[in-house]
Amino acid sequence: MDMLYNSDTFSVMHLKAQDEGLEPARPDVPVLSRHGFEIVDKRSGKEVYLEGSWAELFQAHLRAWQENSPSQEEVEDTLAGYAELAQNPVVVH
């Protein structure tokens, strides 16, 4: 797990897929099979987890940001758009 972004309003974590060759620590707990991104909207106290095509779309934003060095306002505007999907309250962080 890597922290990609942290501000007063948003936090973004990259959750990496588990190695295929590793045995799960507990057989009753599912193993993360694909990578994803967790975006926490600190203003609302909610989070959204992006995986699959949503994660791929967000990954494209990250690549563009690496090439173009956006302003904090541009990053926060993009994250606010994703945060609209947030339905889950942040319980433990």
PDB file of N, CA and C in Angstrom:
ATOM      1  N   MET A   1       0.853  -1.162   0.000  1.00  0.00           N
ATOM      2  CA  MET A   1       0.000   0.000   0.000  1.00  0.00           C
ATOM      3  C   MET A   1       0.903   1.231   0.000  1.00  0.00           C
ATOM      4  N   ASP A   2       0.610   2.153  -0.915  1.00  0.00           N
ATOM      5  CA  ASP A   2       1.401   3.381  -1.021  1.00  0.00           C
ATOM      6  C   ASP A   2       0.486   4.593  -0.940  1.00  0.00           C
ATOM      7  N   MET A   3       0.906   5.589  -0.157  1.00  0.00           N
ATOM      8  CA  MET A   3       0.204   6.864  -0.102  1.00  0.00           C
ATOM      9  C   MET A   3       0.646   7.662  -1.324  1.00  0.00           C
ATOM     10  N   LEU A   4      -0.299   8.031  -2.184  1.00  0.00           N
ATOM     11  CA  LEU A   4       0.025   8.792  -3.386  1.00  0.00           C
ATOM     12  C   LEU A   4      -0.217  10.281  -3.220  1.00  0.00           C
ATOM     13  N   TYR A   5      -1.188  10.623  -2.392  1.00  0.00           N
ATOM     14  CA  TYR A   5      -1.557  12.032  -2.238  1.00  0.00           C
ATOM     15  C   TYR A   5      -2.205  12.215  -0.882  1.00  0.00           C
ATOM     16  N   ASN A   6      -1.897  13.323  -0.231  1.00  0.00           N
ATOM     17  CA  ASN A   6      -2.492  13.623   1.065  1.00  0.00           C
ATOM     18  C   ASN A   6      -2.562  15.132   1.234  1.00  0.00           C
ATOM     19  N   SER A   7      -3.767  15.640   1.418  1.00  0.00           N
ATOM     20  CA  SER A   7      -3.964  17.070   1.654  1.00  0.00           C
ATOM     21  C   SER A   7      -4.991  17.220   2.765  1.00  0.00           C
ATOM     22  N   ASP A   8      -5.399  18.447   3.015  1.00  0.00           N
ATOM     23  CA  ASP A   8      -6.413  18.679   4.040  1.00  0.00           C
ATOM     24  C   ASP A   8      -7.777  18.121   3.635  1.00  0.00           C
ATOM     25  N   THR A   9      -7.993  17.934   2.325  1.00  0.00           N
ATOM     26  CA  THR A   9      -9.312  17.508   1.863  1.00  0.00           C
ATOM     27  C   THR A   9      -9.365  16.086   1.305  1.00  0.00           C
ATOM     28  N   PHE A  10      -8.249  15.568   0.770  1.00  0.00           N
ATOM     29  CA  PHE A  10      -8.250  14.245   0.158  1.00  0.00           C
ATOM     30  C   PHE A  10      -7.014  13.440   0.536  1.00  0.00           C
ATOM     31  N   SER A  11      -7.203  12.130   0.500  1.00  0.00           N
ATOM     32  CA  SER A  11      -6.100  11.198   0.665  1.00  0.00           C
ATOM     33  C   SER A  11      -6.287  10.116  -0.399  1.00  0.00           C
ATOM     34  N   VAL A  12      -5.188   9.732  -1.059  1.00  0.00           N
ATOM     35  CA  VAL A  12      -5.251   8.711  -2.100  1.00  0.00           C
ATOM     36  C   VAL A  12      -4.210   7.643  -1.788  1.00  0.00           C
ATOM     37  N   MET A  13      -4.683   6.391  -1.725  1.00  0.00           N
ATOM     38  CA  MET A  13      -3.799   5.252  -1.479  1.00  0.00           C
ATOM     39  C   MET A  13      -3.859   4.321  -2.678  1.00  0.00           C
ATOM     40  N   HIS A  14      -2.710   3.729  -3.022  1.00  0.00           N
ATOM     41  CA  HIS A  14      -2.648   2.707  -4.068  1.00  0.00           C
ATOM     42  C   HIS A  14      -2.488   1.376  -3.360  1.00  0.00           C
ATOM     43  N   LEU A  15      -3.459   0.494  -3.545  1.00  0.00           N
ATOM     44  CA  LEU A  15      -3.400  -0.846  -2.963  1.00  0.00           C
ATOM     45  C   LEU A  15      -2.967  -1.788  -4.065  1.00  0.00           C
ATOM     46  N   LYS A  16      -1.824  -2.385  -3.876  1.00  0.00           N
ATOM     47  CA  LYS A  16      -1.251  -3.250  -4.905  1.00  0.00           C
ATOM     48  C   LYS A  16      -1.768  -4.672  -4.768  1.00  0.00           C
ATOM     49  N   ALA A  17      -1.851  -5.347  -5.890  1.00  0.00           N
ATOM     50  CA  ALA A  17      -2.313  -6.730  -5.907  1.00  0.00           C
ATOM     51  C   ALA A  17      -1.337  -7.622  -5.161  1.00  0.00           C
ATOM     52  N   GLN A  18      -1.877  -8.639  -4.545  1.00  0.00           N
ATOM     53  CA  GLN A  18      -1.063  -9.620  -3.830  1.00  0.00           C
ATOM     54  C   GLN A  18      -0.300 -10.478  -4.827  1.00  0.00           C
ATOM     55  N   ASP A  19       0.904 -10.868  -4.484  1.00  0.00           N
ATOM     56  CA  ASP A  19       1.684 -11.778  -5.313  1.00  0.00           C
ATOM     57  C   ASP A  19       0.943 -13.091  -5.486  1.00  0.00           C
ATOM     58  N   GLU A  20       0.854 -13.563  -6.727  1.00  0.00           N
ATOM     59  CA  GLU A  20       0.151 -14.824  -7.002  1.00  0.00           C
ATOM     60  C   GLU A  20       0.755 -16.004  -6.232  1.00  0.00           C
ATOM     61  N   GLY A  21       2.071 -15.992  -6.025  1.00  0.00           N
ATOM     62  CA  GLY A  21       2.736 -17.115  -5.396  1.00  0.00           C
ATOM     63  C   GLY A  21       2.628 -17.150  -3.888  1.00  0.00           C
ATOM     64  N   LEU A  22       2.174 -16.067  -3.273  1.00  0.00           N
ATOM     65  CA  LEU A  22       2.089 -16.017  -1.818  1.00  0.00           C
ATOM     66  C   LEU A  22       0.839 -16.718  -1.317  1.00  0.00           C
ATOM     67  N   GLU A  23       1.001 -17.405  -0.217  1.00  0.00           N
ATOM     68  CA  GLU A  23      -0.133 -18.043   0.445  1.00  0.00           C
ATOM     69  C   GLU A  23      -0.845 -16.992   1.294  1.00  0.00           C
ATOM     70  N   PRO A  24      -2.183 -17.017   1.342  1.00  0.00           N
ATOM     71  CA  PRO A  24      -2.889 -16.063   2.196  1.00  0.00           C
ATOM     72  C   PRO A  24      -2.551 -16.298   3.666  1.00  0.00           C
ATOM     73  N   ALA A  25      -2.479 -15.223   4.428  1.00  0.00           N
ATOM     74  CA  ALA A  25      -2.175 -15.332   5.857  1.00  0.00           C
ATOM     75  C   ALA A  25      -3.259 -16.122   6.581  1.00  0.00           C
ATOM     76  N   ARG A  26      -4.493 -15.917   6.171  1.00  0.00           N
ATOM     77  CA  ARG A  26      -5.623 -16.642   6.743  1.00  0.00           C
ATOM     78  C   ARG A  26      -6.492 -17.121   5.587  1.00  0.00           C
ATOM     79  N   PRO A  27      -6.839 -18.395   5.565  1.00  0.00           N
ATOM     80  CA  PRO A  27      -7.629 -18.926   4.452  1.00  0.00           C
ATOM     81  C   PRO A  27      -9.050 -18.363   4.382  1.00  0.00           C
ATOM     82  N   ASP A  28      -9.552 -17.793   5.485  1.00  0.00           N
ATOM     83  CA  ASP A  28     -10.913 -17.258   5.496  1.00  0.00           C
ATOM     84  C   ASP A  28     -10.989 -15.796   5.054  1.00  0.00           C
ATOM     85  N   VAL A  29      -9.835 -15.191   4.752  1.00  0.00           N
ATOM     86  CA  VAL A  29      -9.797 -13.796   4.328  1.00  0.00           C
ATOM     87  C   VAL A  29      -9.420 -13.745   2.858  1.00  0.00           C
ATOM     88  N   PRO A  30     -10.259 -13.121   2.018  1.00  0.00           N
ATOM     89  CA  PRO A  30      -9.942 -13.075   0.586  1.00  0.00           C
ATOM     90  C   PRO A  30      -8.683 -12.269   0.312  1.00  0.00           C
ATOM     91  N   VAL A  31      -7.971 -12.647  -0.748  1.00  0.00           N
ATOM     92  CA  VAL A  31      -6.742 -11.978  -1.144  1.00  0.00           C
ATOM     93  C   VAL A  31      -7.068 -10.996  -2.262  1.00  0.00           C
ATOM     94  N   LEU A  32      -6.521  -9.785  -2.163  1.00  0.00           N
ATOM     95  CA  LEU A  32      -6.705  -8.787  -3.211  1.00  0.00           C
ATOM     96  C   LEU A  32      -6.028  -9.283  -4.484  1.00  0.00           C
ATOM     97  N   SER A  33      -6.820  -9.486  -5.527  1.00  0.00           N
ATOM     98  CA  SER A  33      -6.261 -10.058  -6.747  1.00  0.00           C
ATOM     99  C   SER A  33      -5.918  -9.004  -7.791  1.00  0.00           C
ATOM    100  N   ARG A  34      -6.446  -7.791  -7.658  1.00  0.00           N
ATOM    101  CA  ARG A  34      -6.143  -6.716  -8.594  1.00  0.00           C
ATOM    102  C   ARG A  34      -5.800  -5.463  -7.808  1.00  0.00           C
ATOM    103  N   HIS A  35      -5.035  -4.607  -8.444  1.00  0.00           N
ATOM    104  CA  HIS A  35      -4.702  -3.376  -7.740  1.00  0.00           C
ATOM    105  C   HIS A  35      -5.898  -2.436  -7.768  1.00  0.00           C
ATOM    106  N   GLY A  36      -5.888  -1.461  -6.883  1.00  0.00           N
ATOM    107  CA  GLY A  36      -6.960  -0.480  -6.839  1.00  0.00           C
ATOM    108  C   GLY A  36      -6.494   0.770  -6.120  1.00  0.00           C
ATOM    109  N   PHE A  37      -7.364   1.755  -6.101  1.00  0.00           N
ATOM    110  CA  PHE A  37      -7.065   3.027  -5.470  1.00  0.00           C
ATOM    111  C   PHE A  37      -8.184   3.373  -4.503  1.00  0.00           C
ATOM    112  N   GLU A  38      -7.808   3.815  -3.319  1.00  0.00           N
ATOM    113  CA  GLU A  38      -8.783   4.284  -2.346  1.00  0.00           C
ATOM    114  C   GLU A  38      -8.661   5.793  -2.269  1.00  0.00           C
ATOM    115  N   ILE A  39      -9.768   6.477  -2.470  1.00  0.00           N
ATOM    116  CA  ILE A  39      -9.811   7.935  -2.360  1.00  0.00           C
ATOM    117  C   ILE A  39     -10.693   8.269  -1.168  1.00  0.00           C
ATOM    118  N   VAL A  40     -10.131   8.993  -0.218  1.00  0.00           N
ATOM    119  CA  VAL A  40     -10.864   9.408   0.975  1.00  0.00           C
ATOM    120  C   VAL A  40     -11.145  10.899   0.874  1.00  0.00           C
ATOM    121  N   ASP A  41     -12.423  11.245   0.971  1.00  0.00           N
ATOM    122  CA  ASP A  41     -12.842  12.642   1.023  1.00  0.00           C
ATOM    123  C   ASP A  41     -12.931  13.008   2.498  1.00  0.00           C
ATOM    124  N   LYS A  42     -11.965  13.736   2.975  1.00  0.00           N
ATOM    125  CA  LYS A  42     -11.901  14.054   4.401  1.00  0.00           C
ATOM    126  C   LYS A  42     -13.006  15.010   4.827  1.00  0.00           C
ATOM    127  N   ARG A  43     -13.549  15.770   3.882  1.00  0.00           N
ATOM    128  CA  ARG A  43     -14.622  16.707   4.214  1.00  0.00           C
ATOM    129  C   ARG A  43     -15.904  15.974   4.569  1.00  0.00           C
ATOM    130  N   SER A  44     -16.210  14.921   3.819  1.00  0.00           N
ATOM    131  CA  SER A  44     -17.456  14.184   4.059  1.00  0.00           C
ATOM    132  C   SER A  44     -17.247  12.959   4.942  1.00  0.00           C
ATOM    133  N   GLY A  45     -15.973  12.554   5.123  1.00  0.00           N
ATOM    134  CA  GLY A  45     -15.699  11.361   5.909  1.00  0.00           C
ATOM    135  C   GLY A  45     -16.076  10.079   5.182  1.00  0.00           C
ATOM    136  N   LYS A  46     -16.055  10.129   3.827  1.00  0.00           N
ATOM    137  CA  LYS A  46     -16.406   8.950   3.030  1.00  0.00           C
ATOM    138  C   LYS A  46     -15.241   8.568   2.129  1.00  0.00           C
ATOM    139  N   GLU A  47     -15.274   7.291   1.699  1.00  0.00           N
ATOM    140  CA  GLU A  47     -14.221   6.808   0.812  1.00  0.00           C
ATOM    141  C   GLU A  47     -14.809   6.014  -0.327  1.00  0.00           C
ATOM    142  N   VAL A  48     -14.045   5.947  -1.418  1.00  0.00           N
ATOM    143  CA  VAL A  48     -14.418   5.133  -2.563  1.00  0.00           C
ATOM    144  C   VAL A  48     -13.198   4.314  -2.964  1.00  0.00           C
ATOM    145  N   TYR A  49     -13.450   3.061  -3.324  1.00  0.00           N
ATOM    146  CA  TYR A  49     -12.382   2.180  -3.785  1.00  0.00           C
ATOM    147  C   TYR A  49     -12.577   1.951  -5.276  1.00  0.00           C
ATOM    148  N   LEU A  50     -11.560   2.291  -6.058  1.00  0.00           N
ATOM    149  CA  LEU A  50     -11.609   2.132  -7.509  1.00  0.00           C
ATOM    150  C   LEU A  50     -10.823   0.906  -7.910  1.00  0.00           C
ATOM    151  N   GLU A  51     -11.471   0.020  -8.675  1.00  0.00           N
ATOM    152  CA  GLU A  51     -10.785  -1.144  -9.221  1.00  0.00           C
ATOM    153  C   GLU A  51     -11.279  -1.361 -10.640  1.00  0.00           C
ATOM    154  N   GLY A  52     -10.658  -2.281 -11.344  1.00  0.00           N
ATOM    155  CA  GLY A  52     -11.078  -2.583 -12.704  1.00  0.00           C
ATOM    156  C   GLY A  52     -10.938  -1.393 -13.626  1.00  0.00           C
ATOM    157  N   SER A  53     -11.963  -1.132 -14.417  1.00  0.00           N
ATOM    158  CA  SER A  53     -11.894  -0.043 -15.400  1.00  0.00           C
ATOM    159  C   SER A  53     -11.813   1.323 -14.725  1.00  0.00           C
ATOM    160  N   TRP A  54     -12.410   1.459 -13.534  1.00  0.00           N
ATOM    161  CA  TRP A  54     -12.280   2.730 -12.806  1.00  0.00           C
ATOM    162  C   TRP A  54     -10.825   2.970 -12.401  1.00  0.00           C
ATOM    163  N   ALA A  55     -10.152   1.919 -11.938  1.00  0.00           N
ATOM    164  CA  ALA A  55      -8.741   2.035 -11.552  1.00  0.00           C
ATOM    165  C   ALA A  55      -7.876   2.358 -12.772  1.00  0.00           C
ATOM    166  N   GLU A  56      -8.198   1.752 -13.912  1.00  0.00           N
ATOM    167  CA  GLU A  56      -7.441   2.027 -15.129  1.00  0.00           C
ATOM    168  C   GLU A  56      -7.607   3.482 -15.560  1.00  0.00           C
ATOM    169  N   LEU A  57      -8.823   4.002 -15.453  1.00  0.00           N
ATOM    170  CA  LEU A  57      -9.072   5.406 -15.779  1.00  0.00           C
ATOM    171  C   LEU A  57      -8.306   6.324 -14.839  1.00  0.00           C
ATOM    172  N   PHE A  58      -8.321   6.001 -13.552  1.00  0.00           N
ATOM    173  CA  PHE A  58      -7.590   6.814 -12.579  1.00  0.00           C
ATOM    174  C   PHE A  58      -6.084   6.729 -12.819  1.00  0.00           C
ATOM    175  N   GLN A  59      -5.605   5.538 -13.190  1.00  0.00           N
ATOM    176  CA  GLN A  59      -4.178   5.351 -13.510  1.00  0.00           C
ATOM    177  C   GLN A  59      -3.782   6.256 -14.677  1.00  0.00           C
ATOM    178  N   ALA A  60      -4.669   6.427 -15.642  1.00  0.00           N
ATOM    179  CA  ALA A  60      -4.395   7.330 -16.772  1.00  0.00           C
ATOM    180  C   ALA A  60      -4.254   8.768 -16.285  1.00  0.00           C
ATOM    181  N   HIS A  61      -5.072   9.168 -15.304  1.00  0.00           N
ATOM    182  CA  HIS A  61      -4.929  10.508 -14.712  1.00  0.00           C
ATOM    183  C   HIS A  61      -3.563  10.648 -14.051  1.00  0.00           C
ATOM    184  N   LEU A  62      -3.153   9.616 -13.319  1.00  0.00           N
ATOM    185  CA  LEU A  62      -1.856   9.664 -12.644  1.00  0.00           C
ATOM    186  C   LEU A  62      -0.713   9.831 -13.646  1.00  0.00           C
ATOM    187  N   ARG A  63      -0.767   9.078 -14.744  1.00  0.00           N
ATOM    188  CA  ARG A  63       0.273   9.196 -15.773  1.00  0.00           C
ATOM    189  C   ARG A  63       0.304  10.601 -16.372  1.00  0.00           C
ATOM    190  N   ALA A  64      -0.862  11.146 -16.636  1.00  0.00           N
ATOM    191  CA  ALA A  64      -0.938  12.503 -17.191  1.00  0.00           C
ATOM    192  C   ALA A  64      -0.381  13.520 -16.199  1.00  0.00           C
ATOM    193  N   TRP A  65      -0.675  13.323 -14.908  1.00  0.00           N
ATOM    194  CA  TRP A  65      -0.151  14.232 -13.899  1.00  0.00           C
ATOM    195  C   TRP A  65       1.364  14.165 -13.819  1.00  0.00           C
ATOM    196  N   GLN A  66       1.933  12.977 -13.990  1.00  0.00           N
ATOM    197  CA  GLN A  66       3.389  12.833 -13.951  1.00  0.00           C
ATOM    198  C   GLN A  66       4.036  13.594 -15.107  1.00  0.00           C
ATOM    199  N   GLU A  67       3.377  13.627 -16.240  1.00  0.00           N
ATOM    200  CA  GLU A  67       3.924  14.306 -17.413  1.00  0.00           C
ATOM    201  C   GLU A  67       3.699  15.810 -17.383  1.00  0.00           C
ATOM    202  N   ASN A  68       2.565  16.260 -16.818  1.00  0.00           N
ATOM    203  CA  ASN A  68       2.180  17.671 -16.925  1.00  0.00           C
ATOM    204  C   ASN A  68       2.298  18.481 -15.649  1.00  0.00           C
ATOM    205  N   SER A  69       2.593  17.866 -14.523  1.00  0.00           N
ATOM    206  CA  SER A  69       2.714  18.556 -13.232  1.00  0.00           C
ATOM    207  C   SER A  69       1.537  19.509 -12.988  1.00  0.00           C
ATOM    208  N   PRO A  70       0.366  18.966 -12.691  1.00  0.00           N
ATOM    209  CA  PRO A  70      -0.804  19.827 -12.487  1.00  0.00           C
ATOM    210  C   PRO A  70      -0.711  20.609 -11.192  1.00  0.00           C
ATOM    211  N   SER A  71      -1.530  21.636 -11.093  1.00  0.00           N
ATOM    212  CA  SER A  71      -1.605  22.398  -9.849  1.00  0.00           C
ATOM    213  C   SER A  71      -2.393  21.586  -8.821  1.00  0.00           C
ATOM    214  N   GLN A  72      -2.270  21.967  -7.566  1.00  0.00           N
ATOM    215  CA  GLN A  72      -3.024  21.274  -6.519  1.00  0.00           C
ATOM    216  C   GLN A  72      -4.521  21.423  -6.770  1.00  0.00           C
ATOM    217  N   GLU A  73      -4.934  22.570  -7.281  1.00  0.00           N
ATOM    218  CA  GLU A  73      -6.348  22.799  -7.568  1.00  0.00           C
ATOM    219  C   GLU A  73      -6.857  21.822  -8.635  1.00  0.00           C
ATOM    220  N   GLU A  74      -6.068  21.576  -9.670  1.00  0.00           N
ATOM    221  CA  GLU A  74      -6.454  20.629 -10.721  1.00  0.00           C
ATOM    222  C   GLU A  74      -6.580  19.207 -10.165  1.00  0.00           C
ATOM    223  N   VAL A  75      -5.629  18.826  -9.323  1.00  0.00           N
ATOM    224  CA  VAL A  75      -5.671  17.498  -8.703  1.00  0.00           C
ATOM    225  C   VAL A  75      -6.911  17.374  -7.826  1.00  0.00           C
ATOM    226  N   GLU A  76      -7.153  18.378  -7.002  1.00  0.00           N
ATOM    227  CA  GLU A  76      -8.293  18.336  -6.083  1.00  0.00           C
ATOM    228  C   GLU A  76      -9.617  18.326  -6.851  1.00  0.00           C
ATOM    229  N   ASP A  77      -9.706  19.049  -7.962  1.00  0.00           N
ATOM    230  CA  ASP A  77     -10.927  19.033  -8.775  1.00  0.00           C
ATOM    231  C   ASP A  77     -11.193  17.637  -9.327  1.00  0.00           C
ATOM    232  N   THR A  78     -10.144  16.972  -9.806  1.00  0.00           N
ATOM    233  CA  THR A  78     -10.296  15.616 -10.331  1.00  0.00           C
ATOM    234  C   THR A  78     -10.716  14.660  -9.220  1.00  0.00           C
ATOM    235  N   LEU A  79     -10.067  14.757  -8.063  1.00  0.00           N
ATOM    236  CA  LEU A  79     -10.409  13.886  -6.939  1.00  0.00           C
ATOM    237  C   LEU A  79     -11.838  14.136  -6.459  1.00  0.00           C
ATOM    238  N   ALA A  80     -12.280  15.385  -6.511  1.00  0.00           N
ATOM    239  CA  ALA A  80     -13.650  15.703  -6.107  1.00  0.00           C
ATOM    240  C   ALA A  80     -14.655  14.992  -7.007  1.00  0.00           C
ATOM    241  N   GLY A  81     -14.322  14.875  -8.291  1.00  0.00           N
ATOM    242  CA  GLY A  81     -15.200  14.152  -9.208  1.00  0.00           C
ATOM    243  C   GLY A  81     -15.328  12.687  -8.833  1.00  0.00           C
ATOM    244  N   TYR A  82     -14.219  12.068  -8.492  1.00  0.00           N
ATOM    245  CA  TYR A  82     -14.261  10.669  -8.056  1.00  0.00           C
ATOM    246  C   TYR A  82     -14.941  10.544  -6.697  1.00  0.00           C
ATOM    247  N   ALA A  83     -14.737  11.526  -5.836  1.00  0.00           N
ATOM    248  CA  ALA A  83     -15.310  11.468  -4.485  1.00  0.00           C
ATOM    249  C   ALA A  83     -16.833  11.498  -4.514  1.00  0.00           C
ATOM    250  N   GLU A  84     -17.413  11.975  -5.608  1.00  0.00           N
ATOM    251  CA  GLU A  84     -18.872  11.959  -5.723  1.00  0.00           C
ATOM    252  C   GLU A  84     -19.414  10.529  -5.709  1.00  0.00           C
ATOM    253  N   LEU A  85     -18.562   9.567  -6.064  1.00  0.00           N
ATOM    254  CA  LEU A  85     -18.951   8.160  -6.044  1.00  0.00           C
ATOM    255  C   LEU A  85     -18.920   7.565  -4.636  1.00  0.00           C
ATOM    256  N   ALA A  86     -18.286   8.270  -3.710  1.00  0.00           N
ATOM    257  CA  ALA A  86     -18.075   7.743  -2.363  1.00  0.00           C
ATOM    258  C   ALA A  86     -19.383   7.546  -1.617  1.00  0.00           C
ATOM    259  N   GLN A  87     -19.587   6.332  -1.128  1.00  0.00           N
ATOM    260  CA  GLN A  87     -20.770   5.991  -0.359  1.00  0.00           C
ATOM    261  C   GLN A  87     -20.417   5.431   1.019  1.00  0.00           C
ATOM    262  N   ASN A  88     -19.186   4.924   1.151  1.00  0.00           N
ATOM    263  CA  ASN A  88     -18.786   4.240   2.372  1.00  0.00           C
ATOM    264  C   ASN A  88     -18.175   5.203   3.386  1.00  0.00           C
ATOM    265  N   PRO A  89     -18.709   5.229   4.589  1.00  0.00           N
ATOM    266  CA  PRO A  89     -18.088   6.076   5.611  1.00  0.00           C
ATOM    267  C   PRO A  89     -16.737   5.507   6.019  1.00  0.00           C
ATOM    268  N   VAL A  90     -15.811   6.387   6.298  1.00  0.00           N
ATOM    269  CA  VAL A  90     -14.495   5.952   6.768  1.00  0.00           C
ATOM    270  C   VAL A  90     -14.648   5.569   8.235  1.00  0.00           C
ATOM    271  N   VAL A  91     -14.368   4.304   8.530  1.00  0.00           N
ATOM    272  CA  VAL A  91     -14.532   3.813   9.896  1.00  0.00           C
ATOM    273  C   VAL A  91     -13.186   3.759  10.603  1.00  0.00           C
ATOM    274  N   VAL A  92     -12.184   3.175   9.944  1.00  0.00           N
ATOM    275  CA  VAL A  92     -10.867   3.053  10.542  1.00  0.00           C
ATOM    276  C   VAL A  92      -9.837   3.504   9.528  1.00  0.00           C
ATOM    277  N   HIS A  93      -9.029   4.487   9.918  1.00  0.00           N
ATOM    278  CA  HIS A  93      -7.930   4.952   9.060  1.00  0.00           C
ATOM    279  C   HIS A  93      -6.834   5.479   9.927  1.00  0.00           C
TER     280      HIS A  93
END
